[in-house]
Amino acid sequence: MPENLTWMTGLVLGGGLTLVGLVISFVVWRAKGAASGLRGVAWSLLPLAAGLIGLMNAVWQFIMSLFGILVGLLFNPAVWAGVVLAGVAVVLYVVSGVMRARGAGARPRDRAPKASKDAKGAQPGTTAGAENARGQVGAPPKKSGTDDDLSDLGDIEELLRKRGIE
């Protein structure tokens, strides 16, 4: 079709589309009832109205430009590269969320600040630096020998019993 439609061509095109729409509306009216059929008739009259007003040229240009954009996107390798990159980004985001939920691939936050604090706080000749190097200030020194870390669970068990949790 030419770039610039004449008034008569727009009227013929609008009338043809309206005729096809009225036939479809009649079938819908018979199958689904009057309400659906009348809605179809209303939509079917719009192409004829656009042809009579002279808007069929604008409608035709809009449809052709939309079609041109879609065809340009479909056959452009840069667009497909962008689609692939967007897909990779989505996959990486989802994988990182799963890893974060499972605790995989994350550095513990407690270890890094303590290590830097221990290095600064450990001054020769002071007891605070020595206590810092072992753990917390004022904490009893860890027992060496056959006792492991699980032997100190008695305090926790007692606290849970007080609260009624067993």
N, C-alpha and C. Protein backbone atom coordinates (compact mmCIF):
# COMPACT_ATOMS: atom_id res chain seq x y z
N MET A 1 0.85 -1.18 0.00
CA MET A 1 0.00 0.00 0.00
C MET A 1 0.89 1.24 0.00
N PRO A 2 0.40 2.25 -0.63
CA PRO A 2 1.22 3.47 -0.69
C PRO A 2 1.31 4.13 0.68
N GLU A 3 2.33 4.99 0.82
CA GLU A 3 2.56 5.70 2.07
C GLU A 3 1.37 6.61 2.41
N ASN A 4 0.80 7.25 1.43
CA ASN A 4 -0.27 8.20 1.67
C ASN A 4 -1.57 7.67 1.07
N LEU A 5 -2.44 7.18 1.92
CA LEU A 5 -3.71 6.65 1.44
C LEU A 5 -4.66 7.79 1.10
N THR A 6 -5.41 7.59 0.04
CA THR A 6 -6.43 8.59 -0.28
C THR A 6 -7.65 8.37 0.58
N TRP A 7 -8.56 9.34 0.55
CA TRP A 7 -9.77 9.26 1.36
C TRP A 7 -10.63 8.07 0.92
N MET A 8 -10.71 7.85 -0.37
CA MET A 8 -11.54 6.77 -0.91
C MET A 8 -10.95 5.40 -0.55
N THR A 9 -9.62 5.26 -0.62
CA THR A 9 -8.99 4.00 -0.27
C THR A 9 -9.20 3.71 1.20
N GLY A 10 -9.09 4.72 2.05
CA GLY A 10 -9.33 4.55 3.48
C GLY A 10 -10.77 4.14 3.76
N LEU A 11 -11.72 4.71 2.98
CA LEU A 11 -13.12 4.36 3.15
C LEU A 11 -13.39 2.92 2.73
N VAL A 12 -12.80 2.48 1.63
CA VAL A 12 -12.98 1.11 1.16
C VAL A 12 -12.34 0.13 2.15
N LEU A 13 -11.13 0.43 2.62
CA LEU A 13 -10.46 -0.43 3.59
C LEU A 13 -11.24 -0.50 4.90
N GLY A 14 -11.71 0.64 5.37
CA GLY A 14 -12.50 0.67 6.61
C GLY A 14 -13.81 -0.08 6.45
N GLY A 15 -14.47 0.08 5.28
CA GLY A 15 -15.73 -0.62 5.03
C GLY A 15 -15.52 -2.13 4.97
N GLY A 16 -14.43 -2.56 4.34
CA GLY A 16 -14.14 -4.00 4.26
C GLY A 16 -13.88 -4.59 5.64
N LEU A 17 -13.09 -3.91 6.44
CA LEU A 17 -12.83 -4.39 7.80
C LEU A 17 -14.10 -4.41 8.64
N THR A 18 -14.97 -3.42 8.44
CA THR A 18 -16.23 -3.39 9.17
C THR A 18 -17.11 -4.55 8.75
N LEU A 19 -17.16 -4.86 7.47
CA LEU A 19 -17.98 -5.97 6.98
C LEU A 19 -17.50 -7.29 7.57
N VAL A 20 -16.18 -7.53 7.59
CA VAL A 20 -15.64 -8.75 8.18
C VAL A 20 -15.98 -8.80 9.67
N GLY A 21 -15.84 -7.67 10.36
CA GLY A 21 -16.16 -7.62 11.78
C GLY A 21 -17.62 -7.89 12.07
N LEU A 22 -18.53 -7.41 11.20
CA LEU A 22 -19.97 -7.64 11.40
C LEU A 22 -20.33 -9.12 11.21
N VAL A 23 -19.67 -9.77 10.27
CA VAL A 23 -19.92 -11.21 10.07
C VAL A 23 -19.47 -11.98 11.31
N ILE A 24 -18.29 -11.65 11.82
CA ILE A 24 -17.79 -12.32 13.03
C ILE A 24 -18.70 -12.01 14.21
N SER A 25 -19.19 -10.77 14.30
CA SER A 25 -20.09 -10.39 15.39
C SER A 25 -21.40 -11.16 15.33
N PHE A 26 -21.90 -11.41 14.12
CA PHE A 26 -23.13 -12.18 13.96
C PHE A 26 -22.94 -13.61 14.49
N VAL A 27 -21.78 -14.21 14.17
CA VAL A 27 -21.49 -15.57 14.65
C VAL A 27 -21.38 -15.57 16.18
N VAL A 28 -20.73 -14.55 16.73
CA VAL A 28 -20.58 -14.46 18.18
C VAL A 28 -21.94 -14.25 18.83
N TRP A 29 -22.80 -13.42 18.20
CA TRP A 29 -24.14 -13.16 18.73
C TRP A 29 -24.93 -14.47 18.84
N ARG A 30 -24.84 -15.30 17.81
CA ARG A 30 -25.57 -16.56 17.81
C ARG A 30 -25.00 -17.54 18.84
N ALA A 31 -23.69 -17.52 19.06
CA ALA A 31 -23.05 -18.48 19.95
C ALA A 31 -23.11 -18.05 21.41
N LYS A 32 -22.88 -16.78 21.70
CA LYS A 32 -22.75 -16.34 23.08
C LYS A 32 -23.85 -15.41 23.56
N GLY A 33 -24.69 -14.93 22.68
CA GLY A 33 -25.80 -14.09 23.11
C GLY A 33 -25.66 -12.66 22.63
N ALA A 34 -26.69 -11.86 22.96
CA ALA A 34 -26.80 -10.50 22.46
C ALA A 34 -25.73 -9.57 23.03
N ALA A 35 -25.37 -9.74 24.29
CA ALA A 35 -24.39 -8.83 24.89
C ALA A 35 -23.04 -8.94 24.20
N SER A 36 -22.58 -10.15 23.97
CA SER A 36 -21.30 -10.33 23.27
C SER A 36 -21.39 -9.90 21.82
N GLY A 37 -22.51 -10.15 21.18
CA GLY A 37 -22.70 -9.75 19.79
C GLY A 37 -22.70 -8.24 19.62
N LEU A 38 -23.39 -7.53 20.52
CA LEU A 38 -23.41 -6.07 20.43
C LEU A 38 -22.02 -5.47 20.68
N ARG A 39 -21.27 -6.07 21.58
CA ARG A 39 -19.90 -5.60 21.81
C ARG A 39 -19.07 -5.80 20.54
N GLY A 40 -19.26 -6.91 19.85
CA GLY A 40 -18.55 -7.15 18.59
C GLY A 40 -18.96 -6.16 17.51
N VAL A 41 -20.24 -5.82 17.45
CA VAL A 41 -20.71 -4.83 16.47
C VAL A 41 -20.07 -3.47 16.74
N ALA A 42 -19.98 -3.12 18.02
CA ALA A 42 -19.37 -1.83 18.38
C ALA A 42 -17.92 -1.77 17.90
N TRP A 43 -17.16 -2.83 18.13
CA TRP A 43 -15.77 -2.86 17.68
C TRP A 43 -15.68 -2.91 16.16
N SER A 44 -16.64 -3.53 15.53
CA SER A 44 -16.62 -3.66 14.07
C SER A 44 -16.88 -2.33 13.37
N LEU A 45 -17.59 -1.43 13.98
CA LEU A 45 -17.90 -0.14 13.36
C LEU A 45 -16.73 0.84 13.40
N LEU A 46 -15.73 0.59 14.22
CA LEU A 46 -14.62 1.53 14.36
C LEU A 46 -13.78 1.69 13.08
N PRO A 47 -13.48 0.63 12.30
CA PRO A 47 -12.71 0.86 11.07
C PRO A 47 -13.46 1.72 10.05
N LEU A 48 -14.77 1.56 9.93
CA LEU A 48 -15.54 2.39 9.01
C LEU A 48 -15.55 3.84 9.49
N ALA A 49 -15.68 4.04 10.81
CA ALA A 49 -15.63 5.40 11.35
C ALA A 49 -14.28 6.04 11.07
N ALA A 50 -13.19 5.29 11.22
CA ALA A 50 -11.86 5.83 10.94
C ALA A 50 -11.72 6.16 9.45
N GLY A 51 -12.29 5.35 8.59
CA GLY A 51 -12.24 5.63 7.16
C GLY A 51 -13.04 6.87 6.80
N LEU A 52 -14.20 7.06 7.41
CA LEU A 52 -15.02 8.23 7.12
C LEU A 52 -14.39 9.51 7.66
N ILE A 53 -13.74 9.42 8.80
CA ILE A 53 -13.11 10.61 9.39
C ILE A 53 -11.82 10.95 8.63
N GLY A 54 -11.22 9.95 8.03
CA GLY A 54 -9.96 10.18 7.32
C GLY A 54 -8.75 9.76 8.14
N LEU A 55 -8.96 8.99 9.18
CA LEU A 55 -7.88 8.54 10.04
C LEU A 55 -7.27 7.22 9.60
N MET A 56 -7.78 6.63 8.54
CA MET A 56 -7.27 5.33 8.13
C MET A 56 -5.80 5.42 7.71
N ASN A 57 -5.38 6.57 7.18
CA ASN A 57 -3.98 6.75 6.82
C ASN A 57 -3.10 6.71 8.08
N ALA A 58 -3.52 7.36 9.13
CA ALA A 58 -2.75 7.35 10.38
C ALA A 58 -2.71 5.95 10.97
N VAL A 59 -3.84 5.26 10.93
CA VAL A 59 -3.88 3.89 11.44
C VAL A 59 -2.96 2.99 10.63
N TRP A 60 -2.99 3.14 9.31
CA TRP A 60 -2.14 2.33 8.43
C TRP A 60 -0.67 2.61 8.70
N GLN A 61 -0.28 3.86 8.87
CA GLN A 61 1.11 4.20 9.15
C GLN A 61 1.54 3.66 10.52
N PHE A 62 0.65 3.71 11.49
CA PHE A 62 0.97 3.18 12.81
C PHE A 62 1.22 1.68 12.74
N ILE A 63 0.34 0.96 12.03
CA ILE A 63 0.49 -0.50 11.92
C ILE A 63 1.78 -0.84 11.16
N MET A 64 2.08 -0.13 10.10
CA MET A 64 3.28 -0.42 9.32
C MET A 64 4.55 -0.07 10.10
N SER A 65 4.54 1.01 10.88
CA SER A 65 5.74 1.35 11.66
C SER A 65 5.94 0.34 12.78
N LEU A 66 4.86 -0.11 13.39
CA LEU A 66 4.96 -1.15 14.42
C LEU A 66 5.49 -2.44 13.84
N PHE A 67 5.01 -2.81 12.67
CA PHE A 67 5.50 -4.00 11.98
C PHE A 67 6.98 -3.85 11.62
N GLY A 68 7.39 -2.67 11.16
CA GLY A 68 8.79 -2.43 10.82
C GLY A 68 9.70 -2.53 12.04
N ILE A 69 9.24 -2.02 13.17
CA ILE A 69 10.03 -2.12 14.40
C ILE A 69 10.20 -3.57 14.81
N LEU A 70 9.12 -4.34 14.78
CA LEU A 70 9.19 -5.74 15.17
C LEU A 70 10.08 -6.55 14.23
N VAL A 71 10.00 -6.30 12.94
CA VAL A 71 10.86 -7.00 11.99
C VAL A 71 12.31 -6.59 12.20
N GLY A 72 12.56 -5.31 12.47
CA GLY A 72 13.91 -4.85 12.73
C GLY A 72 14.50 -5.48 13.97
N LEU A 73 13.69 -5.66 14.99
CA LEU A 73 14.16 -6.31 16.21
C LEU A 73 14.42 -7.79 15.99
N LEU A 74 13.60 -8.41 15.18
CA LEU A 74 13.71 -9.84 14.96
C LEU A 74 14.99 -10.21 14.22
N PHE A 75 15.41 -9.40 13.27
CA PHE A 75 16.55 -9.74 12.45
C PHE A 75 17.83 -8.98 12.81
N ASN A 76 17.87 -8.34 13.96
CA ASN A 76 19.04 -7.57 14.38
C ASN A 76 19.86 -8.40 15.36
N PRO A 77 21.11 -8.74 15.03
CA PRO A 77 21.92 -9.55 15.94
C PRO A 77 22.24 -8.85 17.26
N ALA A 78 22.33 -7.53 17.24
CA ALA A 78 22.61 -6.80 18.49
C ALA A 78 21.44 -6.95 19.47
N VAL A 79 20.24 -6.99 18.95
CA VAL A 79 19.07 -7.18 19.81
C VAL A 79 19.11 -8.56 20.44
N TRP A 80 19.47 -9.57 19.66
CA TRP A 80 19.54 -10.92 20.20
C TRP A 80 20.67 -11.05 21.23
N ALA A 81 21.77 -10.34 21.02
CA ALA A 81 22.84 -10.33 22.01
C ALA A 81 22.34 -9.71 23.31
N GLY A 82 21.55 -8.66 23.21
CA GLY A 82 20.96 -8.05 24.40
C GLY A 82 20.00 -8.98 25.12
N VAL A 83 19.22 -9.73 24.35
CA VAL A 83 18.29 -10.69 24.96
C VAL A 83 19.08 -11.78 25.69
N VAL A 84 20.17 -12.25 25.08
CA VAL A 84 21.00 -13.28 25.72
C VAL A 84 21.62 -12.73 27.00
N LEU A 85 22.15 -11.51 26.96
CA LEU A 85 22.75 -10.91 28.15
C LEU A 85 21.72 -10.71 29.26
N ALA A 86 20.51 -10.31 28.91
CA ALA A 86 19.47 -10.16 29.91
C ALA A 86 19.13 -11.51 30.54
N GLY A 87 19.10 -12.56 29.73
CA GLY A 87 18.85 -13.91 30.26
C GLY A 87 19.96 -14.37 31.19
N VAL A 88 21.21 -14.10 30.81
CA VAL A 88 22.34 -14.46 31.67
C VAL A 88 22.26 -13.71 32.99
N ALA A 89 21.89 -12.43 32.93
CA ALA A 89 21.77 -11.64 34.15
C ALA A 89 20.70 -12.20 35.08
N VAL A 90 19.57 -12.61 34.52
CA VAL A 90 18.50 -13.18 35.33
C VAL A 90 18.94 -14.50 35.96
N VAL A 91 19.62 -15.34 35.19
CA VAL A 91 20.09 -16.63 35.72
C VAL A 91 21.10 -16.40 36.84
N LEU A 92 22.04 -15.48 36.65
CA LEU A 92 23.04 -15.20 37.68
C LEU A 92 22.39 -14.66 38.94
N TYR A 93 21.39 -13.82 38.79
CA TYR A 93 20.70 -13.26 39.96
C TYR A 93 19.98 -14.36 40.74
N VAL A 94 19.31 -15.24 40.04
CA VAL A 94 18.60 -16.34 40.71
C VAL A 94 19.59 -17.28 41.39
N VAL A 95 20.68 -17.62 40.72
CA VAL A 95 21.68 -18.51 41.30
C VAL A 95 22.29 -17.88 42.55
N SER A 96 22.58 -16.58 42.51
CA SER A 96 23.15 -15.93 43.69
C SER A 96 22.17 -15.92 44.84
N GLY A 97 20.88 -15.79 44.55
CA GLY A 97 19.88 -15.84 45.62
C GLY A 97 19.81 -17.22 46.26
N VAL A 98 19.90 -18.26 45.43
CA VAL A 98 19.89 -19.62 45.98
C VAL A 98 21.14 -19.86 46.80
N MET A 99 22.30 -19.40 46.31
CA MET A 99 23.55 -19.57 47.05
C MET A 99 23.50 -18.82 48.38
N ARG A 100 22.94 -17.63 48.37
CA ARG A 100 22.85 -16.84 49.59
C ARG A 100 21.93 -17.50 50.60
N ALA A 101 20.83 -18.08 50.12
CA ALA A 101 19.89 -18.75 51.02
C ALA A 101 20.53 -19.98 51.66
N ARG A 102 21.39 -20.66 50.94
CA ARG A 102 22.06 -21.85 51.48
C ARG A 102 23.34 -21.53 52.22
N GLY A 103 23.79 -20.28 52.15
CA GLY A 103 25.01 -19.89 52.84
C GLY A 103 26.27 -20.26 52.09
N ALA A 104 26.15 -20.60 50.84
CA ALA A 104 27.33 -20.99 50.05
C ALA A 104 27.91 -19.76 49.37
N GLY A 105 29.22 -19.69 49.34
CA GLY A 105 29.88 -18.62 48.63
C GLY A 105 29.89 -17.29 49.35
N ALA A 106 29.49 -17.26 50.61
CA ALA A 106 29.50 -16.01 51.36
C ALA A 106 30.55 -16.09 52.45
N ARG A 107 31.26 -15.01 52.66
CA ARG A 107 32.25 -14.96 53.73
C ARG A 107 31.55 -14.67 55.04
N PRO A 108 31.94 -15.34 56.11
CA PRO A 108 31.33 -15.03 57.41
C PRO A 108 31.68 -13.60 57.80
N ARG A 109 30.71 -12.88 58.29
CA ARG A 109 30.90 -11.47 58.61
C ARG A 109 31.60 -11.28 59.94
N ASP A 110 31.54 -12.27 60.82
CA ASP A 110 32.11 -12.12 62.15
C ASP A 110 33.63 -12.24 62.16
N ARG A 111 34.21 -12.98 61.27
CA ARG A 111 35.64 -13.26 61.33
C ARG A 111 36.49 -12.07 60.91
N ALA A 112 36.11 -11.37 59.88
CA ALA A 112 36.95 -10.28 59.36
C ALA A 112 37.11 -9.14 60.37
N PRO A 113 36.06 -8.61 60.99
CA PRO A 113 36.27 -7.52 61.94
C PRO A 113 37.07 -7.94 63.16
N LYS A 114 36.88 -9.16 63.67
CA LYS A 114 37.61 -9.61 64.85
C LYS A 114 39.10 -9.71 64.56
N ALA A 115 39.45 -10.18 63.38
CA ALA A 115 40.86 -10.35 63.05
C ALA A 115 41.56 -8.99 63.02
N SER A 116 40.91 -7.98 62.45
CA SER A 116 41.54 -6.67 62.41
C SER A 116 41.58 -6.05 63.79
N LYS A 117 40.55 -6.29 64.62
CA LYS A 117 40.52 -5.75 65.97
C LYS A 117 41.59 -6.42 66.83
N ASP A 118 41.77 -7.74 66.65
CA ASP A 118 42.78 -8.46 67.42
C ASP A 118 44.17 -7.94 67.10
N ALA A 119 44.41 -7.65 65.85
CA ALA A 119 45.74 -7.19 65.46
C ALA A 119 46.03 -5.82 66.06
N LYS A 120 45.00 -4.96 66.14
CA LYS A 120 45.20 -3.62 66.69
C LYS A 120 45.27 -3.66 68.21
N GLY A 121 44.43 -4.53 68.84
CA GLY A 121 44.31 -4.54 70.30
C GLY A 121 45.44 -5.28 70.99
N ALA A 122 46.16 -6.11 70.31
CA ALA A 122 47.21 -6.90 70.96
C ALA A 122 48.47 -6.07 71.08
N GLN A 123 48.64 -5.46 72.23
CA GLN A 123 49.84 -4.67 72.48
C GLN A 123 50.73 -5.44 73.45
N PRO A 124 51.99 -5.44 73.25
CA PRO A 124 52.87 -6.19 74.14
C PRO A 124 52.86 -5.59 75.54
N GLY A 125 52.80 -6.46 76.55
CA GLY A 125 52.86 -6.03 77.94
C GLY A 125 51.53 -5.73 78.56
N THR A 126 50.42 -5.83 77.83
CA THR A 126 49.10 -5.57 78.43
C THR A 126 48.31 -6.86 78.46
N THR A 127 47.46 -6.97 79.47
CA THR A 127 46.64 -8.19 79.58
C THR A 127 45.43 -8.11 78.68
N ALA A 128 44.94 -6.90 78.35
CA ALA A 128 43.76 -6.77 77.50
C ALA A 128 44.05 -7.34 76.12
N GLY A 129 45.23 -7.09 75.62
CA GLY A 129 45.58 -7.60 74.30
C GLY A 129 45.65 -9.11 74.31
N ALA A 130 46.14 -9.71 75.39
CA ALA A 130 46.24 -11.16 75.47
C ALA A 130 44.85 -11.77 75.56
N GLU A 131 43.97 -11.12 76.32
CA GLU A 131 42.60 -11.65 76.42
C GLU A 131 41.88 -11.51 75.10
N ASN A 132 42.13 -10.42 74.38
CA ASN A 132 41.52 -10.22 73.07
C ASN A 132 41.97 -11.30 72.10
N ALA A 133 43.19 -11.71 72.19
CA ALA A 133 43.70 -12.71 71.26
C ALA A 133 43.03 -14.06 71.50
N ARG A 134 42.61 -14.34 72.72
CA ARG A 134 41.96 -15.62 73.02
C ARG A 134 40.47 -15.61 72.67
N GLY A 135 39.83 -14.49 72.65
CA GLY A 135 38.39 -14.45 72.39
C GLY A 135 37.85 -13.13 72.86
N GLN A 136 36.92 -13.16 73.82
CA GLN A 136 36.33 -11.95 74.35
C GLN A 136 37.08 -11.50 75.58
N VAL A 137 36.96 -10.21 75.88
CA VAL A 137 37.59 -9.66 77.07
C VAL A 137 36.85 -10.20 78.28
N GLY A 138 37.57 -10.72 79.25
CA GLY A 138 36.95 -11.22 80.47
C GLY A 138 36.39 -12.62 80.35
N ALA A 139 36.50 -13.24 79.19
CA ALA A 139 35.99 -14.60 79.01
C ALA A 139 36.96 -15.57 79.63
N PRO A 140 36.48 -16.64 80.21
CA PRO A 140 37.38 -17.62 80.78
C PRO A 140 38.20 -18.29 79.68
N PRO A 141 39.45 -18.61 79.97
CA PRO A 141 40.27 -19.23 78.93
C PRO A 141 39.72 -20.61 78.58
N LYS A 142 39.89 -20.96 77.32
CA LYS A 142 39.41 -22.26 76.86
C LYS A 142 40.25 -23.36 77.47
N LYS A 143 39.57 -24.43 77.83
CA LYS A 143 40.27 -25.57 78.43
C LYS A 143 40.95 -26.36 77.33
N SER A 144 42.15 -26.75 77.58
CA SER A 144 42.85 -27.57 76.61
C SER A 144 42.83 -29.01 77.10
N GLY A 145 42.91 -29.92 76.19
CA GLY A 145 42.90 -31.33 76.57
C GLY A 145 41.84 -32.05 75.78
N THR A 146 41.10 -32.95 76.45
CA THR A 146 40.13 -33.78 75.76
C THR A 146 38.77 -33.12 75.62
N ASP A 147 38.49 -32.02 76.34
CA ASP A 147 37.19 -31.34 76.23
C ASP A 147 37.10 -30.64 74.89
N ASP A 148 35.93 -30.74 74.27
CA ASP A 148 35.72 -30.04 73.02
C ASP A 148 34.72 -28.91 73.23
N ASP A 149 34.31 -28.27 72.15
CA ASP A 149 33.41 -27.13 72.23
C ASP A 149 32.01 -27.52 72.69
N LEU A 150 31.61 -28.76 72.53
CA LEU A 150 30.27 -29.19 72.89
C LEU A 150 30.08 -29.39 74.38
N SER A 151 31.15 -29.35 75.16
CA SER A 151 31.02 -29.58 76.60
C SER A 151 30.41 -28.38 77.31
N ASP A 152 30.37 -27.21 76.72
CA ASP A 152 29.81 -26.02 77.35
C ASP A 152 28.33 -25.85 77.06
N LEU A 153 27.65 -26.86 76.58
CA LEU A 153 26.24 -26.75 76.26
C LEU A 153 25.35 -26.86 77.49
N GLY A 154 25.90 -27.14 78.64
CA GLY A 154 25.11 -27.26 79.86
C GLY A 154 24.40 -25.97 80.21
N ASP A 155 25.07 -24.84 80.04
CA ASP A 155 24.45 -23.55 80.31
C ASP A 155 23.26 -23.30 79.39
N ILE A 156 23.44 -23.65 78.15
CA ILE A 156 22.37 -23.43 77.18
C ILE A 156 21.19 -24.34 77.49
N GLU A 157 21.45 -25.59 77.82
CA GLU A 157 20.37 -26.51 78.17
C GLU A 157 19.61 -26.02 79.39
N GLU A 158 20.31 -25.50 80.39
CA GLU A 158 19.67 -24.98 81.59
C GLU A 158 18.77 -23.78 81.25
N LEU A 159 19.25 -22.89 80.40
CA LEU A 159 18.47 -21.74 79.99
C LEU A 159 17.21 -22.17 79.24
N LEU A 160 17.32 -23.16 78.38
CA LEU A 160 16.17 -23.65 77.64
C LEU A 160 15.15 -24.29 78.57
N ARG A 161 15.59 -25.01 79.59
CA ARG A 161 14.67 -25.63 80.56
C ARG A 161 13.93 -24.57 81.34
N LYS A 162 14.60 -23.48 81.72
CA LYS A 162 13.95 -22.39 82.43
C LYS A 162 12.82 -21.79 81.62
N ARG A 163 13.01 -21.72 80.33
CA ARG A 163 11.99 -21.12 79.46
C ARG A 163 10.94 -22.11 79.00
N GLY A 164 11.08 -23.35 79.39
CA GLY A 164 10.09 -24.36 79.04
C GLY A 164 10.31 -24.96 77.67
N ILE A 165 11.47 -24.81 77.12
CA ILE A 165 11.79 -25.37 75.81
C ILE A 165 12.69 -26.58 76.02
N GLU A 166 12.24 -27.72 75.55
CA GLU A 166 13.07 -28.92 75.71
C GLU A 166 13.21 -29.64 74.40
